[in-house]
Protein backbone atom coordinates (compact mmCIF):
# COMPACT_ATOMS: atom_id res chain seq x y z
CA UNK A 1 72.08 48.61 29.87
CA UNK A 2 74.72 50.19 27.55
CA UNK A 3 77.46 48.05 29.14
CA UNK A 4 75.42 44.91 28.54
CA UNK A 5 74.96 45.82 24.87
CA UNK A 6 78.65 46.64 24.53
CA UNK A 7 79.57 43.29 26.09
CA UNK A 8 77.22 41.46 23.72
CA UNK A 9 78.66 43.30 20.73
CA UNK A 10 82.23 42.49 21.83
CA UNK A 11 81.37 38.82 22.23
CA UNK A 12 79.75 38.75 18.78
CA UNK A 13 82.78 40.48 17.23
CA UNK A 14 85.17 37.99 18.85
CA UNK A 15 83.14 35.11 17.47
CA UNK A 16 83.04 36.59 13.99
CA UNK A 17 86.84 36.85 13.81
CA UNK A 18 86.97 33.06 13.65
CA UNK A 19 84.94 32.82 10.45
CA UNK A 20 86.27 32.88 6.88
CA UNK A 21 89.92 33.65 7.52
CA UNK A 22 91.45 31.01 5.24
CA UNK A 23 89.47 29.40 2.47
CA UNK A 24 91.00 26.46 0.61
CA UNK A 25 89.81 26.25 -2.99
CA UNK A 26 90.89 24.20 -6.02
CA UNK A 27 92.69 27.33 -7.28
CA UNK A 28 94.59 28.09 -4.09
CA UNK A 29 94.25 29.64 -0.67
CA UNK A 30 92.09 32.72 -0.17
CA UNK A 31 93.32 34.89 2.70
CA UNK A 32 90.72 37.30 4.07
CA UNK A 33 91.93 40.03 6.45
CA UNK A 34 89.81 41.17 9.39
CA UNK A 35 89.59 44.79 8.26
CA UNK A 36 88.40 45.70 4.74
CA UNK A 37 88.22 42.10 3.45
CA UNK A 38 86.94 43.12 0.01
CA UNK A 39 89.95 45.33 -0.60
CA UNK A 40 92.59 43.22 1.13
CA UNK A 41 91.65 39.70 0.04
CA UNK A 42 94.56 37.77 -1.40
CA UNK A 43 94.51 34.61 -3.48
CA UNK A 44 97.66 32.50 -3.31
CA UNK A 45 97.56 30.07 -6.22
CA UNK A 46 98.84 26.56 -5.50
CA UNK A 47 101.54 26.93 -8.18
CA UNK A 48 103.03 29.86 -6.22
CA UNK A 49 103.65 27.69 -3.15
CA UNK A 50 106.88 25.66 -3.25
CA UNK A 51 106.67 24.40 0.36
CA UNK A 52 104.47 24.76 3.41
CA UNK A 53 105.28 24.19 7.07
CA UNK A 54 103.95 24.88 10.55
CA UNK A 55 105.60 25.51 13.87
CA UNK A 56 105.41 22.93 16.67
CA UNK A 57 102.49 24.64 18.42
CA UNK A 58 100.45 24.81 15.17
CA UNK A 59 99.96 28.56 15.52
CA UNK A 60 101.79 29.72 12.37
CA UNK A 61 101.53 28.37 8.83
CA UNK A 62 104.34 29.40 6.50
CA UNK A 63 103.90 29.26 2.73
CA UNK A 64 107.26 29.45 0.91
CA UNK A 65 107.42 30.81 -2.63
CA UNK A 66 110.79 29.26 -3.52
CA UNK A 67 112.67 26.05 -2.77
CA UNK A 68 115.36 27.92 -0.80
CA UNK A 69 112.63 29.12 1.60
CA UNK A 70 113.78 32.72 1.44
CA UNK A 71 110.42 34.29 0.62
CA UNK A 72 106.87 33.55 1.54
CA UNK A 73 103.86 34.31 3.70
CA UNK A 74 103.40 33.74 7.43
CA UNK A 75 99.77 33.10 8.39
CA UNK A 76 98.54 32.92 11.94
CA UNK A 77 96.35 29.90 12.67
CA UNK A 78 95.13 31.34 15.98
CA UNK A 79 91.78 32.55 14.56
CA UNK A 80 90.99 28.92 13.70
CA UNK A 81 89.63 26.77 16.54
CA UNK A 82 92.40 24.83 18.30
CA UNK A 83 90.94 21.43 17.43
CA UNK A 84 90.78 22.32 13.71
CA UNK A 85 94.26 23.83 13.30
CA UNK A 86 95.89 20.45 12.68
CA UNK A 87 93.33 19.65 9.97
CA UNK A 88 93.85 22.98 8.21
CA UNK A 89 97.64 22.62 8.31
CA UNK A 90 97.45 19.01 7.11
CA UNK A 91 95.19 20.00 4.20
CA UNK A 92 97.55 22.73 3.01
CA UNK A 93 100.73 20.69 3.47
CA UNK A 94 99.14 17.68 1.75
CA UNK A 95 98.04 19.74 -1.23
CA UNK A 96 101.50 21.27 -1.61
CA UNK A 97 103.10 17.81 -1.37
CA UNK A 98 100.78 16.61 -4.19
CA UNK A 99 102.13 19.37 -6.43
CA UNK A 100 105.72 18.17 -6.10
């Protein structure tokens, strides 16, 4: 019985890691970490992002803070469902392209 409850709890925890990781708002991108989200939440305002790009496998989204692409944030897209990664990347890249 304890192993069954532990398995159920592990499955629930794995499912919850896919929720509310990146939130796109009119102000910017809210990044919520898995551990201590209230303390570690970060808001990246759209004006801070000079360029955005993804790798070929759509597993990493990079937000660059300057035009030379020397500083920025690397975000893993793996917590997002595979069929929705392209939509999330397209939304961010499209919004950044609008700014320029």
